[in-house]
Amino acid sequence: MTAEQNQTPAQKAVGDIAPKLAELTDDVLFGDVWARAELPRRDRSLVTVSSLVTSGSTEQLVAHLRIAKQNGLSEAELVEAIVHLAFYAGWPKAMSAIQVAKRVFAEDAEARP
């Protein structure tokens, strides 16, 4: 039997993911994935905020929401994205993230002259 014949159905469907994960890890941790021109800043911010919402990292969310705002995302866009994430992250994490987003945008609005 060949190595391909010994693979489980999942292995056949997914393929050998270890090299792909290693490449992705290199790109993200040690490469330029976040500086590539083909991924706009607002999309990078949305990806980062989404990741923080699903992991429940509300303490890190404040700074990244401010960056997302600087990168052109509105409060409405961010809240909509968070609501869509509720099915994946869970409603408690999503509701907490929405409250953090509202607070960040309110604080920023109050800070303006």
PDB file of N, CA and C in Angstrom:
ATOM      1  N   MET A   1       0.840  -1.186   0.000  1.00  0.00           N
ATOM      2  CA  MET A   1       0.000   0.000   0.000  1.00  0.00           C
ATOM      3  C   MET A   1       0.884   1.249   0.000  1.00  0.00           C
ATOM      4  N   THR A   2       0.421   2.253  -0.732  1.00  0.00           N
ATOM      5  CA  THR A   2       1.155   3.521  -0.763  1.00  0.00           C
ATOM      6  C   THR A   2       0.742   4.371   0.435  1.00  0.00           C
ATOM      7  N   ALA A   3       1.505   5.415   0.671  1.00  0.00           N
ATOM      8  CA  ALA A   3       1.194   6.325   1.777  1.00  0.00           C
ATOM      9  C   ALA A   3      -0.172   6.970   1.564  1.00  0.00           C
ATOM     10  N   GLU A   4      -0.499   7.270   0.302  1.00  0.00           N
ATOM     11  CA  GLU A   4      -1.784   7.890   0.006  1.00  0.00           C
ATOM     12  C   GLU A   4      -2.942   6.940   0.308  1.00  0.00           C
ATOM     13  N   GLN A   5      -2.757   5.674   0.083  1.00  0.00           N
ATOM     14  CA  GLN A   5      -3.809   4.707   0.355  1.00  0.00           C
ATOM     15  C   GLN A   5      -4.016   4.506   1.853  1.00  0.00           C
ATOM     16  N   ASN A   6      -3.007   4.797   2.654  1.00  0.00           N
ATOM     17  CA  ASN A   6      -3.108   4.635   4.107  1.00  0.00           C
ATOM     18  C   ASN A   6      -3.750   5.843   4.788  1.00  0.00           C
ATOM     19  N   GLN A   7      -4.032   6.885   4.039  1.00  0.00           N
ATOM     20  CA  GLN A   7      -4.599   8.092   4.634  1.00  0.00           C
ATOM     21  C   GLN A   7      -6.074   7.896   4.977  1.00  0.00           C
ATOM     22  N   THR A   8      -6.479   8.553   6.050  1.00  0.00           N
ATOM     23  CA  THR A   8      -7.895   8.555   6.425  1.00  0.00           C
ATOM     24  C   THR A   8      -8.647   9.475   5.471  1.00  0.00           C
ATOM     25  N   PRO A   9      -9.972   9.377   5.429  1.00  0.00           N
ATOM     26  CA  PRO A   9     -10.737  10.293   4.576  1.00  0.00           C
ATOM     27  C   PRO A   9     -10.460  11.765   4.906  1.00  0.00           C
ATOM     28  N   ALA A  10     -10.301  12.081   6.186  1.00  0.00           N
ATOM     29  CA  ALA A  10     -10.017  13.469   6.568  1.00  0.00           C
ATOM     30  C   ALA A  10      -8.655  13.897   6.041  1.00  0.00           C
ATOM     31  N   GLN A  11      -7.659  13.038   6.158  1.00  0.00           N
ATOM     32  CA  GLN A  11      -6.329  13.372   5.650  1.00  0.00           C
ATOM     33  C   GLN A  11      -6.353  13.576   4.137  1.00  0.00           C
ATOM     34  N   LYS A  12      -7.136  12.766   3.443  1.00  0.00           N
ATOM     35  CA  LYS A  12      -7.244  12.928   1.996  1.00  0.00           C
ATOM     36  C   LYS A  12      -7.922  14.253   1.644  1.00  0.00           C
ATOM     37  N   ALA A  13      -8.933  14.632   2.413  1.00  0.00           N
ATOM     38  CA  ALA A  13      -9.658  15.874   2.138  1.00  0.00           C
ATOM     39  C   ALA A  13      -8.823  17.101   2.470  1.00  0.00           C
ATOM     40  N   VAL A  14      -8.105  17.052   3.585  1.00  0.00           N
ATOM     41  CA  VAL A  14      -7.339  18.201   4.052  1.00  0.00           C
ATOM     42  C   VAL A  14      -5.951  18.241   3.440  1.00  0.00           C
ATOM     43  N   GLY A  15      -5.393  17.093   3.176  1.00  0.00           N
ATOM     44  CA  GLY A  15      -4.019  17.044   2.678  1.00  0.00           C
ATOM     45  C   GLY A  15      -3.045  17.157   3.842  1.00  0.00           C
ATOM     46  N   ASP A  16      -1.804  17.311   3.530  1.00  0.00           N
ATOM     47  CA  ASP A  16      -0.790  17.415   4.568  1.00  0.00           C
ATOM     48  C   ASP A  16      -0.745  18.863   5.029  1.00  0.00           C
ATOM     49  N   ILE A  17      -1.368  19.126   6.180  1.00  0.00           N
ATOM     50  CA  ILE A  17      -1.481  20.515   6.628  1.00  0.00           C
ATOM     51  C   ILE A  17      -0.275  20.999   7.414  1.00  0.00           C
ATOM     52  N   ALA A  18       0.567  20.104   7.911  1.00  0.00           N
ATOM     53  CA  ALA A  18       1.708  20.545   8.733  1.00  0.00           C
ATOM     54  C   ALA A  18       2.598  21.543   8.001  1.00  0.00           C
ATOM     55  N   PRO A  19       3.001  21.289   6.752  1.00  0.00           N
ATOM     56  CA  PRO A  19       3.813  22.296   6.063  1.00  0.00           C
ATOM     57  C   PRO A  19       3.064  23.614   5.851  1.00  0.00           C
ATOM     58  N   LYS A  20       1.755  23.529   5.607  1.00  0.00           N
ATOM     59  CA  LYS A  20       0.959  24.746   5.418  1.00  0.00           C
ATOM     60  C   LYS A  20       0.891  25.546   6.713  1.00  0.00           C
ATOM     61  N   LEU A  21       0.716  24.848   7.840  1.00  0.00           N
ATOM     62  CA  LEU A  21       0.676  25.544   9.128  1.00  0.00           C
ATOM     63  C   LEU A  21       2.031  26.158   9.453  1.00  0.00           C
ATOM     64  N   ALA A  22       3.106  25.435   9.150  1.00  0.00           N
ATOM     65  CA  ALA A  22       4.455  25.975   9.392  1.00  0.00           C
ATOM     66  C   ALA A  22       4.685  27.224   8.547  1.00  0.00           C
ATOM     67  N   GLU A  23       4.264  27.193   7.293  1.00  0.00           N
ATOM     68  CA  GLU A  23       4.432  28.352   6.414  1.00  0.00           C
ATOM     69  C   GLU A  23       3.607  29.538   6.923  1.00  0.00           C
ATOM     70  N   LEU A  24       2.369  29.270   7.328  1.00  0.00           N
ATOM     71  CA  LEU A  24       1.515  30.325   7.855  1.00  0.00           C
ATOM     72  C   LEU A  24       2.113  30.924   9.128  1.00  0.00           C
ATOM     73  N   THR A  25       2.626  30.069  10.003  1.00  0.00           N
ATOM     74  CA  THR A  25       3.258  30.544  11.234  1.00  0.00           C
ATOM     75  C   THR A  25       4.454  31.425  10.920  1.00  0.00           C
ATOM     76  N   ASP A  26       5.269  31.003   9.973  1.00  0.00           N
ATOM     77  CA  ASP A  26       6.412  31.826   9.568  1.00  0.00           C
ATOM     78  C   ASP A  26       5.961  33.174   9.029  1.00  0.00           C
ATOM     79  N   ASP A  27       4.933  33.155   8.175  1.00  0.00           N
ATOM     80  CA  ASP A  27       4.443  34.402   7.577  1.00  0.00           C
ATOM     81  C   ASP A  27       3.872  35.348   8.616  1.00  0.00           C
ATOM     82  N   VAL A  28       3.103  34.794   9.561  1.00  0.00           N
ATOM     83  CA  VAL A  28       2.442  35.638  10.548  1.00  0.00           C
ATOM     84  C   VAL A  28       3.415  36.116  11.620  1.00  0.00           C
ATOM     85  N   LEU A  29       4.200  35.201  12.169  1.00  0.00           N
ATOM     86  CA  LEU A  29       5.073  35.566  13.279  1.00  0.00           C
ATOM     87  C   LEU A  29       6.380  36.215  12.844  1.00  0.00           C
ATOM     88  N   PHE A  30       6.904  35.777  11.715  1.00  0.00           N
ATOM     89  CA  PHE A  30       8.236  36.236  11.329  1.00  0.00           C
ATOM     90  C   PHE A  30       8.269  36.917   9.965  1.00  0.00           C
ATOM     91  N   GLY A  31       7.133  36.997   9.311  1.00  0.00           N
ATOM     92  CA  GLY A  31       7.112  37.533   7.959  1.00  0.00           C
ATOM     93  C   GLY A  31       6.415  38.864   7.859  1.00  0.00           C
ATOM     94  N   ASP A  32       5.980  39.154   6.680  1.00  0.00           N
ATOM     95  CA  ASP A  32       5.407  40.466   6.396  1.00  0.00           C
ATOM     96  C   ASP A  32       3.913  40.402   6.126  1.00  0.00           C
ATOM     97  N   VAL A  33       3.244  39.365   6.607  1.00  0.00           N
ATOM     98  CA  VAL A  33       1.837  39.168   6.254  1.00  0.00           C
ATOM     99  C   VAL A  33       0.981  40.387   6.614  1.00  0.00           C
ATOM    100  N   TRP A  34       1.316  41.093   7.699  1.00  0.00           N
ATOM    101  CA  TRP A  34       0.499  42.228   8.112  1.00  0.00           C
ATOM    102  C   TRP A  34       0.850  43.510   7.373  1.00  0.00           C
ATOM    103  N   ALA A  35       1.923  43.481   6.587  1.00  0.00           N
ATOM    104  CA  ALA A  35       2.330  44.685   5.865  1.00  0.00           C
ATOM    105  C   ALA A  35       2.109  44.561   4.363  1.00  0.00           C
ATOM    106  N   ARG A  36       1.542  43.476   3.919  1.00  0.00           N
ATOM    107  CA  ARG A  36       1.345  43.271   2.488  1.00  0.00           C
ATOM    108  C   ARG A  36       0.304  44.237   1.934  1.00  0.00           C
ATOM    109  N   ALA A  37       0.630  44.807   0.802  1.00  0.00           N
ATOM    110  CA  ALA A  37      -0.245  45.816   0.190  1.00  0.00           C
ATOM    111  C   ALA A  37      -1.595  45.243  -0.230  1.00  0.00           C
ATOM    112  N   GLU A  38      -1.638  43.956  -0.566  1.00  0.00           N
ATOM    113  CA  GLU A  38      -2.907  43.396  -1.051  1.00  0.00           C
ATOM    114  C   GLU A  38      -3.948  43.212   0.056  1.00  0.00           C
ATOM    115  N   LEU A  39      -3.554  43.391   1.308  1.00  0.00           N
ATOM    116  CA  LEU A  39      -4.504  43.319   2.416  1.00  0.00           C
ATOM    117  C   LEU A  39      -4.609  44.706   3.047  1.00  0.00           C
ATOM    118  N   PRO A  40      -5.686  45.448   2.725  1.00  0.00           N
ATOM    119  CA  PRO A  40      -5.828  46.814   3.231  1.00  0.00           C
ATOM    120  C   PRO A  40      -5.818  46.869   4.760  1.00  0.00           C
ATOM    121  N   ARG A  41      -5.402  48.008   5.281  1.00  0.00           N
ATOM    122  CA  ARG A  41      -5.320  48.193   6.730  1.00  0.00           C
ATOM    123  C   ARG A  41      -6.656  47.932   7.422  1.00  0.00           C
ATOM    124  N   ARG A  42      -7.739  48.397   6.835  1.00  0.00           N
ATOM    125  CA  ARG A  42      -9.040  48.206   7.498  1.00  0.00           C
ATOM    126  C   ARG A  42      -9.399  46.727   7.565  1.00  0.00           C
ATOM    127  N   ASP A  43      -9.012  45.934   6.547  1.00  0.00           N
ATOM    128  CA  ASP A  43      -9.269  44.498   6.583  1.00  0.00           C
ATOM    129  C   ASP A  43      -8.409  43.815   7.647  1.00  0.00           C
ATOM    130  N   ARG A  44      -7.158  44.249   7.751  1.00  0.00           N
ATOM    131  CA  ARG A  44      -6.278  43.693   8.790  1.00  0.00           C
ATOM    132  C   ARG A  44      -6.844  43.998  10.166  1.00  0.00           C
ATOM    133  N   SER A  45      -7.350  45.216  10.349  1.00  0.00           N
ATOM    134  CA  SER A  45      -7.949  45.581  11.627  1.00  0.00           C
ATOM    135  C   SER A  45      -9.177  44.730  11.917  1.00  0.00           C
ATOM    136  N   LEU A  46      -9.988  44.518  10.906  1.00  0.00           N
ATOM    137  CA  LEU A  46     -11.193  43.710  11.091  1.00  0.00           C
ATOM    138  C   LEU A  46     -10.837  42.273  11.465  1.00  0.00           C
ATOM    139  N   VAL A  47      -9.811  41.733  10.848  1.00  0.00           N
ATOM    140  CA  VAL A  47      -9.351  40.378  11.177  1.00  0.00           C
ATOM    141  C   VAL A  47      -8.864  40.325  12.625  1.00  0.00           C
ATOM    142  N   THR A  48      -8.086  41.315  13.022  1.00  0.00           N
ATOM    143  CA  THR A  48      -7.553  41.335  14.387  1.00  0.00           C
ATOM    144  C   THR A  48      -8.668  41.479  15.409  1.00  0.00           C
ATOM    145  N   VAL A  49      -9.581  42.421  15.181  1.00  0.00           N
ATOM    146  CA  VAL A  49     -10.704  42.609  16.100  1.00  0.00           C
ATOM    147  C   VAL A  49     -11.542  41.333  16.176  1.00  0.00           C
ATOM    148  N   SER A  50     -11.802  40.713  15.059  1.00  0.00           N
ATOM    149  CA  SER A  50     -12.595  39.477  15.040  1.00  0.00           C
ATOM    150  C   SER A  50     -11.921  38.381  15.854  1.00  0.00           C
ATOM    151  N   SER A  51     -10.632  38.256  15.711  1.00  0.00           N
ATOM    152  CA  SER A  51      -9.892  37.259  16.466  1.00  0.00           C
ATOM    153  C   SER A  51      -9.979  37.528  17.966  1.00  0.00           C
ATOM    154  N   LEU A  52      -9.841  38.782  18.346  1.00  0.00           N
ATOM    155  CA  LEU A  52      -9.914  39.133  19.765  1.00  0.00           C
ATOM    156  C   LEU A  52     -11.315  38.903  20.325  1.00  0.00           C
ATOM    157  N   VAL A  53     -12.338  39.160  19.522  1.00  0.00           N
ATOM    158  CA  VAL A  53     -13.710  38.928  19.972  1.00  0.00           C
ATOM    159  C   VAL A  53     -13.939  37.442  20.206  1.00  0.00           C
ATOM    160  N   THR A  54     -13.535  36.605  19.260  1.00  0.00           N
ATOM    161  CA  THR A  54     -13.786  35.168  19.406  1.00  0.00           C
ATOM    162  C   THR A  54     -12.987  34.558  20.542  1.00  0.00           C
ATOM    163  N   SER A  55     -11.839  35.161  20.869  1.00  0.00           N
ATOM    164  CA  SER A  55     -11.050  34.629  21.983  1.00  0.00           C
ATOM    165  C   SER A  55     -11.457  35.240  23.318  1.00  0.00           C
ATOM    166  N   GLY A  56     -12.322  36.251  23.283  1.00  0.00           N
ATOM    167  CA  GLY A  56     -12.778  36.885  24.513  1.00  0.00           C
ATOM    168  C   GLY A  56     -11.754  37.823  25.127  1.00  0.00           C
ATOM    169  N   SER A  57     -10.837  38.324  24.330  1.00  0.00           N
ATOM    170  CA  SER A  57      -9.760  39.188  24.825  1.00  0.00           C
ATOM    171  C   SER A  57     -10.184  40.648  24.850  1.00  0.00           C
ATOM    172  N   THR A  58     -11.139  40.963  25.721  1.00  0.00           N
ATOM    173  CA  THR A  58     -11.659  42.330  25.754  1.00  0.00           C
ATOM    174  C   THR A  58     -10.620  43.337  26.231  1.00  0.00           C
ATOM    175  N   GLU A  59      -9.654  42.895  27.043  1.00  0.00           N
ATOM    176  CA  GLU A  59      -8.632  43.842  27.509  1.00  0.00           C
ATOM    177  C   GLU A  59      -7.746  44.323  26.370  1.00  0.00           C
ATOM    178  N   GLN A  60      -7.507  43.497  25.361  1.00  0.00           N
ATOM    179  CA  GLN A  60      -6.723  43.894  24.197  1.00  0.00           C
ATOM    180  C   GLN A  60      -7.589  44.574  23.142  1.00  0.00           C
ATOM    181  N   LEU A  61      -8.870  44.377  23.236  1.00  0.00           N
ATOM    182  CA  LEU A  61      -9.802  44.873  22.224  1.00  0.00           C
ATOM    183  C   LEU A  61      -9.826  46.396  22.158  1.00  0.00           C
ATOM    184  N   VAL A  62      -9.690  47.063  23.279  1.00  0.00           N
ATOM    185  CA  VAL A  62      -9.780  48.528  23.311  1.00  0.00           C
ATOM    186  C   VAL A  62      -8.775  49.157  22.351  1.00  0.00           C
ATOM    187  N   ALA A  63      -7.515  48.791  22.478  1.00  0.00           N
ATOM    188  CA  ALA A  63      -6.477  49.384  21.618  1.00  0.00           C
ATOM    189  C   ALA A  63      -6.710  49.036  20.155  1.00  0.00           C
ATOM    190  N   HIS A  64      -7.124  47.814  19.880  1.00  0.00           N
ATOM    191  CA  HIS A  64      -7.316  47.397  18.499  1.00  0.00           C
ATOM    192  C   HIS A  64      -8.570  48.020  17.882  1.00  0.00           C
ATOM    193  N   LEU A  65      -9.568  48.314  18.698  1.00  0.00           N
ATOM    194  CA  LEU A  65     -10.738  49.046  18.191  1.00  0.00           C
ATOM    195  C   LEU A  65     -10.346  50.468  17.813  1.00  0.00           C
ATOM    196  N   ARG A  66      -9.477  51.081  18.597  1.00  0.00           N
ATOM    197  CA  ARG A  66      -8.999  52.424  18.262  1.00  0.00           C
ATOM    198  C   ARG A  66      -8.207  52.402  16.955  1.00  0.00           C
ATOM    199  N   ILE A  67      -7.377  51.381  16.794  1.00  0.00           N
ATOM    200  CA  ILE A  67      -6.613  51.237  15.541  1.00  0.00           C
ATOM    201  C   ILE A  67      -7.570  51.005  14.372  1.00  0.00           C
ATOM    202  N   ALA A  68      -8.583  50.162  14.587  1.00  0.00           N
ATOM    203  CA  ALA A  68      -9.572  49.899  13.534  1.00  0.00           C
ATOM    204  C   ALA A  68     -10.270  51.185  13.123  1.00  0.00           C
ATOM    205  N   LYS A  69     -10.580  52.018  14.105  1.00  0.00           N
ATOM    206  CA  LYS A  69     -11.216  53.307  13.810  1.00  0.00           C
ATOM    207  C   LYS A  69     -10.271  54.181  12.986  1.00  0.00           C
ATOM    208  N   GLN A  70      -9.002  54.223  13.362  1.00  0.00           N
ATOM    209  CA  GLN A  70      -8.011  54.992  12.605  1.00  0.00           C
ATOM    210  C   GLN A  70      -7.861  54.454  11.186  1.00  0.00           C
ATOM    211  N   ASN A  71      -8.077  53.151  11.030  1.00  0.00           N
ATOM    212  CA  ASN A  71      -7.939  52.516   9.721  1.00  0.00           C
ATOM    213  C   ASN A  71      -9.222  52.589   8.895  1.00  0.00           C
ATOM    214  N   GLY A  72     -10.208  53.367   9.362  1.00  0.00           N
ATOM    215  CA  GLY A  72     -11.380  53.638   8.544  1.00  0.00           C
ATOM    216  C   GLY A  72     -12.635  52.858   8.853  1.00  0.00           C
ATOM    217  N   LEU A  73     -12.631  52.022   9.880  1.00  0.00           N
ATOM    218  CA  LEU A  73     -13.840  51.278  10.223  1.00  0.00           C
ATOM    219  C   LEU A  73     -14.722  52.127  11.136  1.00  0.00           C
ATOM    220  N   SER A  74     -16.003  52.117  10.864  1.00  0.00           N
ATOM    221  CA  SER A  74     -16.943  52.875  11.687  1.00  0.00           C
ATOM    222  C   SER A  74     -17.453  52.011  12.833  1.00  0.00           C
ATOM    223  N   GLU A  75     -18.070  52.667  13.801  1.00  0.00           N
ATOM    224  CA  GLU A  75     -18.669  51.932  14.920  1.00  0.00           C
ATOM    225  C   GLU A  75     -19.733  50.959  14.408  1.00  0.00           C
ATOM    226  N   ALA A  76     -20.557  51.416  13.474  1.00  0.00           N
ATOM    227  CA  ALA A  76     -21.628  50.565  12.935  1.00  0.00           C
ATOM    228  C   ALA A  76     -21.053  49.322  12.250  1.00  0.00           C
ATOM    229  N   GLU A  77     -19.975  49.485  11.486  1.00  0.00           N
ATOM    230  CA  GLU A  77     -19.356  48.343  10.807  1.00  0.00           C
ATOM    231  C   GLU A  77     -18.796  47.347  11.811  1.00  0.00           C
ATOM    232  N   LEU A  78     -18.150  47.868  12.838  1.00  0.00           N
ATOM    233  CA  LEU A  78     -17.554  46.986  13.839  1.00  0.00           C
ATOM    234  C   LEU A  78     -18.623  46.253  14.645  1.00  0.00           C
ATOM    235  N   VAL A  79     -19.662  46.969  15.036  1.00  0.00           N
ATOM    236  CA  VAL A  79     -20.745  46.326  15.786  1.00  0.00           C
ATOM    237  C   VAL A  79     -21.412  45.257  14.923  1.00  0.00           C
ATOM    238  N   GLU A  80     -21.629  45.542  13.651  1.00  0.00           N
ATOM    239  CA  GLU A  80     -22.229  44.548  12.751  1.00  0.00           C
ATOM    240  C   GLU A  80     -21.353  43.306  12.644  1.00  0.00           C
ATOM    241  N   ALA A  81     -20.049  43.502  12.520  1.00  0.00           N
ATOM    242  CA  ALA A  81     -19.128  42.364  12.445  1.00  0.00           C
ATOM    243  C   ALA A  81     -19.178  41.551  13.730  1.00  0.00           C
ATOM    244  N   ILE A  82     -19.219  42.234  14.862  1.00  0.00           N
ATOM    245  CA  ILE A  82     -19.260  41.535  16.151  1.00  0.00           C
ATOM    246  C   ILE A  82     -20.550  40.742  16.293  1.00  0.00           C
ATOM    247  N   VAL A  83     -21.666  41.317  15.861  1.00  0.00           N
ATOM    248  CA  VAL A  83     -22.942  40.597  15.924  1.00  0.00           C
ATOM    249  C   VAL A  83     -22.869  39.320  15.088  1.00  0.00           C
ATOM    250  N   HIS A  84     -22.254  39.405  13.913  1.00  0.00           N
ATOM    251  CA  HIS A  84     -22.118  38.212  13.077  1.00  0.00           C
ATOM    252  C   HIS A  84     -21.226  37.162  13.737  1.00  0.00           C
ATOM    253  N   LEU A  85     -20.273  37.619  14.526  1.00  0.00           N
ATOM    254  CA  LEU A  85     -19.374  36.690  15.216  1.00  0.00           C
ATOM    255  C   LEU A  85     -20.044  36.002  16.403  1.00  0.00           C
ATOM    256  N   ALA A  86     -21.160  36.522  16.858  1.00  0.00           N
ATOM    257  CA  ALA A  86     -21.824  35.977  18.044  1.00  0.00           C
ATOM    258  C   ALA A  86     -22.109  34.486  17.908  1.00  0.00           C
ATOM    259  N   PHE A  87     -22.407  34.037  16.712  1.00  0.00           N
ATOM    260  CA  PHE A  87     -22.717  32.625  16.504  1.00  0.00           C
ATOM    261  C   PHE A  87     -21.484  31.741  16.647  1.00  0.00           C
ATOM    262  N   TYR A  88     -20.320  32.326  16.466  1.00  0.00           N
ATOM    263  CA  TYR A  88     -19.064  31.578  16.570  1.00  0.00           C
ATOM    264  C   TYR A  88     -18.392  31.786  17.918  1.00  0.00           C
ATOM    265  N   ALA A  89     -18.440  33.013  18.409  1.00  0.00           N
ATOM    266  CA  ALA A  89     -17.764  33.358  19.662  1.00  0.00           C
ATOM    267  C   ALA A  89     -18.651  33.105  20.871  1.00  0.00           C
ATOM    268  N   GLY A  90     -19.953  33.119  20.651  1.00  0.00           N
ATOM    269  CA  GLY A  90     -20.909  33.014  21.751  1.00  0.00           C
ATOM    270  C   GLY A  90     -21.454  34.401  22.070  1.00  0.00           C
ATOM    271  N   TRP A  91     -22.707  34.435  22.478  1.00  0.00           N
ATOM    272  CA  TRP A  91     -23.366  35.714  22.747  1.00  0.00           C
ATOM    273  C   TRP A  91     -22.712  36.503  23.877  1.00  0.00           C
ATOM    274  N   PRO A  92     -22.296  35.866  24.977  1.00  0.00           N
ATOM    275  CA  PRO A  92     -21.664  36.668  26.046  1.00  0.00           C
ATOM    276  C   PRO A  92     -20.402  37.403  25.579  1.00  0.00           C
ATOM    277  N   LYS A  93     -19.535  36.742  24.824  1.00  0.00           N
ATOM    278  CA  LYS A  93     -18.326  37.397  24.315  1.00  0.00           C
ATOM    279  C   LYS A  93     -18.684  38.518  23.347  1.00  0.00           C
ATOM    280  N   ALA A  94     -19.648  38.264  22.482  1.00  0.00           N
ATOM    281  CA  ALA A  94     -20.050  39.269  21.505  1.00  0.00           C
ATOM    282  C   ALA A  94     -20.669  40.487  22.190  1.00  0.00           C
ATOM    283  N   MET A  95     -21.532  40.260  23.164  1.00  0.00           N
ATOM    284  CA  MET A  95     -22.168  41.373  23.864  1.00  0.00           C
ATOM    285  C   MET A  95     -21.129  42.196  24.629  1.00  0.00           C
ATOM    286  N   SER A  96     -20.164  41.530  25.246  1.00  0.00           N
ATOM    287  CA  SER A  96     -19.082  42.246  25.933  1.00  0.00           C
ATOM    288  C   SER A  96     -18.288  43.087  24.937  1.00  0.00           C
ATOM    289  N   ALA A  97     -17.997  42.516  23.783  1.00  0.00           N
ATOM    290  CA  ALA A  97     -17.233  43.236  22.760  1.00  0.00           C
ATOM    291  C   ALA A  97     -18.006  44.437  22.235  1.00  0.00           C
ATOM    292  N   ILE A  98     -19.304  44.306  22.064  1.00  0.00           N
ATOM    293  CA  ILE A  98     -20.125  45.423  21.605  1.00  0.00           C
ATOM    294  C   ILE A  98     -20.095  46.552  22.641  1.00  0.00           C
ATOM    295  N   GLN A  99     -20.189  46.195  23.910  1.00  0.00           N
ATOM    296  CA  GLN A  99     -20.123  47.221  24.957  1.00  0.00           C
ATOM    297  C   GLN A  99     -18.770  47.923  24.956  1.00  0.00           C
ATOM    298  N   VAL A 100     -17.693  47.162  24.749  1.00  0.00           N
ATOM    299  CA  VAL A 100     -16.355  47.762  24.668  1.00  0.00           C
ATOM    300  C   VAL A 100     -16.280  48.701  23.469  1.00  0.00           C
ATOM    301  N   ALA A 101     -16.803  48.275  22.321  1.00  0.00           N
ATOM    302  CA  ALA A 101     -16.776  49.115  21.114  1.00  0.00           C
ATOM    303  C   ALA A 101     -17.556  50.401  21.336  1.00  0.00           C
ATOM    304  N   LYS A 102     -18.737  50.308  21.920  1.00  0.00           N
ATOM    305  CA  LYS A 102     -19.539  51.503  22.179  1.00  0.00           C
ATOM    306  C   LYS A 102     -18.805  52.444  23.124  1.00  0.00           C
ATOM    307  N   ARG A 103     -18.165  51.884  24.158  1.00  0.00           N
ATOM    308  CA  ARG A 103     -17.415  52.710  25.103  1.00  0.00           C
ATOM    309  C   ARG A 103     -16.233  53.409  24.425  1.00  0.00           C
ATOM    310  N   VAL A 104     -15.486  52.668  23.592  1.00  0.00           N
ATOM    311  CA  VAL A 104     -14.332  53.245  22.893  1.00  0.00           C
ATOM    312  C   VAL A 104     -14.770  54.386  21.987  1.00  0.00           C
ATOM    313  N   PHE A 105     -15.827  54.184  21.219  1.00  0.00           N
ATOM    314  CA  PHE A 105     -16.284  55.241  20.311  1.00  0.00           C
ATOM    315  C   PHE A 105     -16.866  56.421  21.082  1.00  0.00           C
ATOM    316  N   ALA A 106     -17.529  56.162  22.205  1.00  0.00           N
ATOM    317  CA  ALA A 106     -18.077  57.251  23.018  1.00  0.00           C
ATOM    318  C   ALA A 106     -16.947  58.053  23.651  1.00  0.00           C
ATOM    319  N   GLU A 107     -15.921  57.376  24.174  1.00  0.00           N
ATOM    320  CA  GLU A 107     -14.780  58.063  24.778  1.00  0.00           C
ATOM    321  C   GLU A 107     -14.050  58.915  23.746  1.00  0.00           C
ATOM    322  N   ASP A 108     -13.875  58.368  22.565  1.00  0.00           N
ATOM    323  CA  ASP A 108     -13.204  59.114  21.515  1.00  0.00           C
ATOM    324  C   ASP A 108     -14.023  60.337  21.092  1.00  0.00           C
ATOM    325  N   ALA A 109     -15.349  60.208  21.084  1.00  0.00           N
ATOM    326  CA  ALA A 109     -16.204  61.329  20.705  1.00  0.00           C
ATOM    327  C   ALA A 109     -16.155  62.423  21.779  1.00  0.00           C
ATOM    328  N   GLU A 110     -16.091  62.021  23.048  1.00  0.00           N
ATOM    329  CA  GLU A 110     -16.011  62.984  24.148  1.00  0.00           C
ATOM    330  C   GLU A 110     -14.669  63.700  24.164  1.00  0.00           C
ATOM    331  N   ALA A 111     -13.621  63.031  23.703  1.00  0.00           N
ATOM    332  CA  ALA A 111     -12.278  63.600  23.733  1.00  0.00           C
ATOM    333  C   ALA A 111     -12.068  64.669  22.664  1.00  0.00           C
ATOM    334  N   ARG A 112     -12.927  64.705  21.657  1.00  0.00           N
ATOM    335  CA  ARG A 112     -12.810  65.714  20.590  1.00  0.00           C
ATOM    336  C   ARG A 112     -13.219  67.079  21.128  1.00  0.00           C
ATOM    337  N   PRO A 113     -12.530  68.125  20.669  1.00  0.00           N
ATOM    338  CA  PRO A 113     -12.877  69.490  21.127  1.00  0.00           C
ATOM    339  C   PRO A 113     -14.197  69.955  20.591  1.00  0.00           C
TER     340      PRO A 113
END
